[in-house]
N, C-alpha and C. Protein backbone atom coordinates (compact mmCIF):
# COMPACT_ATOMS: atom_id res chain seq x y z
N MET A 1 -48.53 -5.97 3.12
CA MET A 1 -48.36 -4.81 3.97
C MET A 1 -47.89 -5.26 5.34
N TYR A 2 -46.98 -4.51 5.88
CA TYR A 2 -46.41 -4.84 7.18
C TYR A 2 -47.00 -3.93 8.25
N HIS A 3 -47.14 -4.51 9.42
CA HIS A 3 -47.63 -3.72 10.55
C HIS A 3 -46.47 -3.57 11.53
N TYR A 4 -46.03 -2.35 11.75
CA TYR A 4 -44.89 -2.08 12.61
C TYR A 4 -45.38 -1.56 13.95
N ARG A 5 -44.85 -2.15 15.01
CA ARG A 5 -45.16 -1.68 16.37
C ARG A 5 -43.84 -1.55 17.10
N ARG A 6 -43.78 -0.58 17.94
CA ARG A 6 -42.56 -0.35 18.69
C ARG A 6 -42.93 0.11 20.09
N THR A 7 -42.12 -0.31 21.06
CA THR A 7 -42.35 0.11 22.43
C THR A 7 -41.35 1.21 22.77
N ASP A 8 -41.86 2.28 23.31
CA ASP A 8 -40.99 3.38 23.72
C ASP A 8 -40.22 2.94 24.96
N ASN A 9 -38.90 3.12 24.95
CA ASN A 9 -38.07 2.64 26.05
C ASN A 9 -38.25 3.44 27.34
N VAL A 10 -38.62 4.69 27.22
CA VAL A 10 -38.73 5.53 28.41
C VAL A 10 -40.09 5.34 29.09
N THR A 11 -41.15 5.46 28.33
CA THR A 11 -42.48 5.42 28.93
C THR A 11 -43.11 4.04 28.88
N GLY A 12 -42.62 3.16 28.03
CA GLY A 12 -43.22 1.84 27.91
C GLY A 12 -44.48 1.84 27.05
N GLU A 13 -44.76 2.96 26.44
CA GLU A 13 -45.97 3.09 25.61
C GLU A 13 -45.73 2.40 24.26
N VAL A 14 -46.75 1.72 23.75
CA VAL A 14 -46.66 1.06 22.45
C VAL A 14 -46.98 2.08 21.37
N LEU A 15 -46.05 2.23 20.43
CA LEU A 15 -46.23 3.19 19.35
C LEU A 15 -46.61 2.44 18.09
N ASP A 16 -47.60 2.90 17.40
CA ASP A 16 -48.01 2.31 16.13
C ASP A 16 -47.32 3.08 15.01
N LEU A 17 -46.49 2.41 14.24
CA LEU A 17 -45.67 3.09 13.24
C LEU A 17 -46.27 3.02 11.83
N ASP A 18 -47.48 2.56 11.70
CA ASP A 18 -48.09 2.46 10.37
C ASP A 18 -48.42 3.81 9.77
N ASP A 19 -48.52 4.83 10.56
CA ASP A 19 -48.91 6.14 10.07
C ASP A 19 -47.72 6.97 9.59
N TYR A 20 -46.50 6.46 9.74
CA TYR A 20 -45.31 7.22 9.38
C TYR A 20 -44.88 6.88 7.96
N GLU A 21 -44.38 7.89 7.29
CA GLU A 21 -43.85 7.71 5.93
C GLU A 21 -42.32 7.80 5.98
N LEU A 22 -41.65 6.83 5.36
CA LEU A 22 -40.20 6.84 5.34
C LEU A 22 -39.71 7.55 4.09
N ARG A 23 -38.75 8.45 4.25
CA ARG A 23 -38.15 9.12 3.11
C ARG A 23 -36.71 9.49 3.44
N LEU A 24 -35.94 9.56 2.40
CA LEU A 24 -34.54 9.93 2.55
C LEU A 24 -34.33 11.33 2.00
N GLU A 25 -33.69 12.14 2.80
CA GLU A 25 -33.38 13.51 2.39
C GLU A 25 -31.93 13.80 2.76
N PRO A 26 -31.23 14.54 1.92
CA PRO A 26 -29.86 14.90 2.29
C PRO A 26 -29.87 15.93 3.41
N THR A 27 -28.83 15.89 4.19
CA THR A 27 -28.71 16.86 5.29
C THR A 27 -28.30 18.22 4.72
N PRO A 28 -28.46 19.26 5.49
CA PRO A 28 -28.04 20.59 5.01
C PRO A 28 -26.54 20.65 4.68
N LEU A 29 -25.71 19.90 5.41
CA LEU A 29 -24.28 19.89 5.11
C LEU A 29 -24.05 19.33 3.71
N ARG A 30 -24.76 18.27 3.36
CA ARG A 30 -24.56 17.63 2.06
C ARG A 30 -24.97 18.55 0.91
N THR A 31 -25.90 19.41 1.13
CA THR A 31 -26.36 20.32 0.06
C THR A 31 -25.62 21.66 0.07
N ALA A 32 -24.74 21.87 1.04
CA ALA A 32 -23.98 23.13 1.09
C ALA A 32 -23.00 23.17 -0.08
N PRO A 33 -22.92 24.29 -0.81
CA PRO A 33 -22.05 24.38 -1.99
C PRO A 33 -20.57 24.18 -1.67
N ILE A 34 -20.10 24.68 -0.55
CA ILE A 34 -18.69 24.54 -0.21
C ILE A 34 -18.36 23.07 0.04
N TYR A 35 -19.21 22.39 0.81
CA TYR A 35 -18.97 20.98 1.09
C TYR A 35 -19.04 20.15 -0.18
N THR A 36 -19.98 20.45 -1.05
CA THR A 36 -20.12 19.70 -2.31
C THR A 36 -18.87 19.87 -3.17
N ALA A 37 -18.38 21.10 -3.26
CA ALA A 37 -17.16 21.35 -4.04
C ALA A 37 -15.97 20.61 -3.40
N TYR A 38 -15.83 20.70 -2.07
CA TYR A 38 -14.75 20.02 -1.37
C TYR A 38 -14.84 18.51 -1.60
N PHE A 39 -16.02 17.95 -1.46
CA PHE A 39 -16.22 16.50 -1.61
C PHE A 39 -15.85 16.06 -3.02
N ASN A 40 -16.31 16.78 -4.04
CA ASN A 40 -16.04 16.38 -5.42
C ASN A 40 -14.56 16.52 -5.77
N TRP A 41 -13.93 17.63 -5.36
CA TRP A 41 -12.50 17.82 -5.66
C TRP A 41 -11.64 16.81 -4.92
N SER A 42 -11.98 16.54 -3.67
CA SER A 42 -11.17 15.56 -2.92
C SER A 42 -11.31 14.16 -3.51
N ARG A 43 -12.51 13.79 -3.96
CA ARG A 43 -12.68 12.49 -4.62
C ARG A 43 -11.87 12.43 -5.92
N LEU A 44 -11.88 13.52 -6.66
CA LEU A 44 -11.11 13.55 -7.92
C LEU A 44 -9.62 13.36 -7.64
N VAL A 45 -9.11 14.06 -6.63
CA VAL A 45 -7.67 13.97 -6.33
C VAL A 45 -7.32 12.59 -5.78
N VAL A 46 -8.08 12.11 -4.79
CA VAL A 46 -7.75 10.86 -4.11
C VAL A 46 -8.01 9.64 -4.99
N LEU A 47 -9.10 9.64 -5.72
CA LEU A 47 -9.46 8.46 -6.51
C LEU A 47 -9.09 8.55 -7.98
N GLY A 48 -8.63 9.72 -8.44
CA GLY A 48 -8.32 9.89 -9.85
C GLY A 48 -6.90 10.30 -10.13
N ILE A 49 -6.51 11.46 -9.65
CA ILE A 49 -5.22 12.03 -10.01
C ILE A 49 -4.06 11.28 -9.36
N ILE A 50 -4.14 11.01 -8.06
CA ILE A 50 -3.04 10.32 -7.37
C ILE A 50 -2.83 8.91 -7.93
N PRO A 51 -3.87 8.08 -8.09
CA PRO A 51 -3.62 6.75 -8.68
C PRO A 51 -3.08 6.82 -10.11
N PHE A 52 -3.57 7.76 -10.91
CA PHE A 52 -3.09 7.89 -12.28
C PHE A 52 -1.62 8.30 -12.30
N ALA A 53 -1.25 9.26 -11.45
CA ALA A 53 0.14 9.71 -11.39
C ALA A 53 1.06 8.58 -10.92
N MET A 54 0.61 7.80 -9.93
CA MET A 54 1.42 6.68 -9.47
C MET A 54 1.57 5.63 -10.56
N LEU A 55 0.51 5.38 -11.30
CA LEU A 55 0.55 4.41 -12.40
C LEU A 55 1.55 4.85 -13.47
N VAL A 56 1.52 6.12 -13.84
CA VAL A 56 2.45 6.64 -14.84
C VAL A 56 3.88 6.55 -14.33
N TYR A 57 4.12 6.96 -13.08
CA TYR A 57 5.46 6.95 -12.51
C TYR A 57 6.02 5.53 -12.42
N LEU A 58 5.23 4.61 -11.89
CA LEU A 58 5.71 3.23 -11.73
C LEU A 58 5.93 2.55 -13.08
N ASN A 59 5.06 2.81 -14.05
CA ASN A 59 5.28 2.24 -15.38
C ASN A 59 6.55 2.80 -16.02
N ALA A 60 6.82 4.08 -15.81
CA ALA A 60 8.05 4.67 -16.35
C ALA A 60 9.28 4.04 -15.69
N LYS A 61 9.22 3.81 -14.38
CA LYS A 61 10.34 3.17 -13.69
C LYS A 61 10.55 1.74 -14.19
N ILE A 62 9.49 1.00 -14.41
CA ILE A 62 9.60 -0.36 -14.94
C ILE A 62 10.21 -0.33 -16.33
N TYR A 63 9.77 0.60 -17.16
CA TYR A 63 10.31 0.72 -18.52
C TYR A 63 11.80 1.04 -18.47
N GLN A 64 12.20 1.98 -17.61
CA GLN A 64 13.62 2.33 -17.48
C GLN A 64 14.44 1.13 -17.02
N ASP A 65 13.91 0.36 -16.08
CA ASP A 65 14.62 -0.80 -15.58
C ASP A 65 14.80 -1.86 -16.67
N ILE A 66 13.76 -2.10 -17.44
CA ILE A 66 13.85 -3.07 -18.54
C ILE A 66 14.86 -2.59 -19.57
N LYS A 67 14.83 -1.32 -19.89
CA LYS A 67 15.77 -0.76 -20.88
C LYS A 67 17.22 -0.85 -20.38
N ALA A 68 17.44 -0.52 -19.10
CA ALA A 68 18.79 -0.60 -18.53
C ALA A 68 19.28 -2.05 -18.49
N ARG A 69 18.39 -2.97 -18.15
CA ARG A 69 18.77 -4.39 -18.11
C ARG A 69 19.14 -4.89 -19.50
N ARG A 70 18.38 -4.46 -20.49
CA ARG A 70 18.67 -4.85 -21.88
C ARG A 70 20.03 -4.29 -22.32
N ASN A 71 20.31 -3.04 -21.96
CA ASN A 71 21.60 -2.43 -22.32
C ASN A 71 22.76 -3.14 -21.63
N ARG A 72 22.59 -3.49 -20.34
CA ARG A 72 23.64 -4.23 -19.65
C ARG A 72 23.90 -5.58 -20.30
N LYS A 73 22.83 -6.24 -20.70
CA LYS A 73 22.97 -7.55 -21.35
C LYS A 73 23.69 -7.41 -22.69
N LEU A 74 23.31 -6.39 -23.48
CA LEU A 74 23.97 -6.18 -24.77
C LEU A 74 25.44 -5.80 -24.58
N ASN A 75 25.73 -4.96 -23.58
CA ASN A 75 27.12 -4.58 -23.31
C ASN A 75 27.95 -5.78 -22.88
N ALA A 76 27.34 -6.65 -22.07
CA ALA A 76 28.07 -7.85 -21.64
C ALA A 76 28.38 -8.74 -22.83
N ARG A 77 27.43 -8.90 -23.73
CA ARG A 77 27.67 -9.70 -24.93
C ARG A 77 28.76 -9.06 -25.80
N HIS A 78 28.69 -7.74 -25.92
CA HIS A 78 29.68 -7.03 -26.73
C HIS A 78 31.08 -7.20 -26.13
N GLN A 79 31.20 -7.07 -24.82
CA GLN A 79 32.49 -7.25 -24.15
C GLN A 79 33.01 -8.67 -24.32
N GLN A 80 32.08 -9.64 -24.24
CA GLN A 80 32.48 -11.04 -24.41
C GLN A 80 32.99 -11.29 -25.83
N LYS A 81 32.33 -10.72 -26.82
CA LYS A 81 32.78 -10.87 -28.21
C LYS A 81 34.15 -10.23 -28.41
N LYS A 82 34.38 -9.06 -27.78
CA LYS A 82 35.67 -8.40 -27.87
C LYS A 82 36.78 -9.28 -27.32
N LYS A 83 36.51 -9.89 -26.14
CA LYS A 83 37.50 -10.77 -25.53
C LYS A 83 37.79 -11.97 -26.43
N MET A 84 36.75 -12.54 -27.00
CA MET A 84 36.93 -13.70 -27.88
C MET A 84 37.76 -13.32 -29.10
N LEU A 85 37.51 -12.15 -29.68
CA LEU A 85 38.29 -11.71 -30.84
C LEU A 85 39.75 -11.49 -30.46
N LYS A 86 39.99 -10.90 -29.28
CA LYS A 86 41.36 -10.70 -28.84
C LYS A 86 42.07 -12.03 -28.66
N VAL A 87 41.40 -13.00 -28.06
CA VAL A 87 42.00 -14.32 -27.86
C VAL A 87 42.29 -14.98 -29.19
N GLN A 88 41.34 -14.90 -30.13
CA GLN A 88 41.55 -15.50 -31.45
C GLN A 88 42.70 -14.82 -32.18
N GLN A 89 42.77 -13.51 -32.10
CA GLN A 89 43.85 -12.79 -32.78
C GLN A 89 45.20 -13.12 -32.16
N SER A 90 45.25 -13.23 -30.85
CA SER A 90 46.52 -13.54 -30.21
C SER A 90 46.95 -14.97 -30.52
N GLU A 91 46.01 -15.89 -30.62
CA GLU A 91 46.35 -17.27 -30.98
C GLU A 91 46.82 -17.36 -32.43
N ASN A 92 46.21 -16.59 -33.30
CA ASN A 92 46.56 -16.64 -34.72
C ASN A 92 47.91 -15.98 -35.01
N THR A 93 48.29 -14.99 -34.27
CA THR A 93 49.51 -14.25 -34.59
C THR A 93 50.74 -14.77 -33.86
N LYS A 94 50.62 -15.43 -32.74
CA LYS A 94 51.81 -15.83 -31.98
C LYS A 94 52.57 -17.00 -32.62
N PRO A 95 52.03 -18.21 -32.53
CA PRO A 95 52.88 -19.32 -32.95
C PRO A 95 52.93 -19.55 -34.44
N PHE A 96 51.87 -19.32 -35.15
CA PHE A 96 51.82 -19.67 -36.57
C PHE A 96 51.44 -18.46 -37.39
N PRO A 97 51.99 -18.31 -38.54
CA PRO A 97 51.54 -17.26 -39.45
C PRO A 97 50.14 -17.61 -39.94
N ARG A 98 49.48 -16.63 -40.47
CA ARG A 98 48.09 -16.82 -40.86
C ARG A 98 47.94 -17.80 -42.01
N GLY A 99 48.80 -17.82 -42.95
CA GLY A 99 48.64 -18.65 -44.14
C GLY A 99 48.84 -20.13 -43.90
N LYS A 100 49.59 -20.52 -42.89
CA LYS A 100 49.91 -21.92 -42.66
C LYS A 100 48.88 -22.53 -41.70
N LYS A 101 48.60 -23.82 -41.94
CA LYS A 101 47.67 -24.52 -41.07
C LYS A 101 48.46 -25.39 -40.10
N ARG A 102 47.91 -25.64 -38.96
CA ARG A 102 48.55 -26.48 -37.96
C ARG A 102 48.42 -27.95 -38.37
N LYS A 103 49.37 -28.72 -37.96
CA LYS A 103 49.29 -30.17 -38.21
C LYS A 103 48.42 -30.77 -37.11
N PRO A 104 47.61 -31.77 -37.47
CA PRO A 104 46.80 -32.42 -36.44
C PRO A 104 47.67 -33.15 -35.43
N PHE A 105 47.22 -33.23 -34.23
CA PHE A 105 47.96 -33.89 -33.17
C PHE A 105 47.85 -35.40 -33.35
N SER A 106 48.96 -36.07 -33.27
CA SER A 106 48.92 -37.54 -33.38
C SER A 106 49.72 -38.15 -32.24
N ARG A 107 49.38 -39.37 -31.83
CA ARG A 107 50.06 -40.03 -30.72
C ARG A 107 51.08 -40.96 -31.19
């Protein structure tokens, strides 16, 4: 058991605090129905709905970016293959007919 003593700052009188009971009670504002509704709804919006909406939005943007990057990469590969086919076709049709083979280069 603790013995609490305190000196009053104004009168200098020593107060014995052993006779007091400590308890916690909500203030009238905290128990008011309007404040309680406001507090609960604001917590729901600030800590629930806004973070969830931001998470959904940012994840959708990341997904779109990954999808667009993949499409650009596939299109670049497709364009490169087209160029290679054009080069091969132009090499095959210009100097030599398709059926004949080139002679190996010798010194």
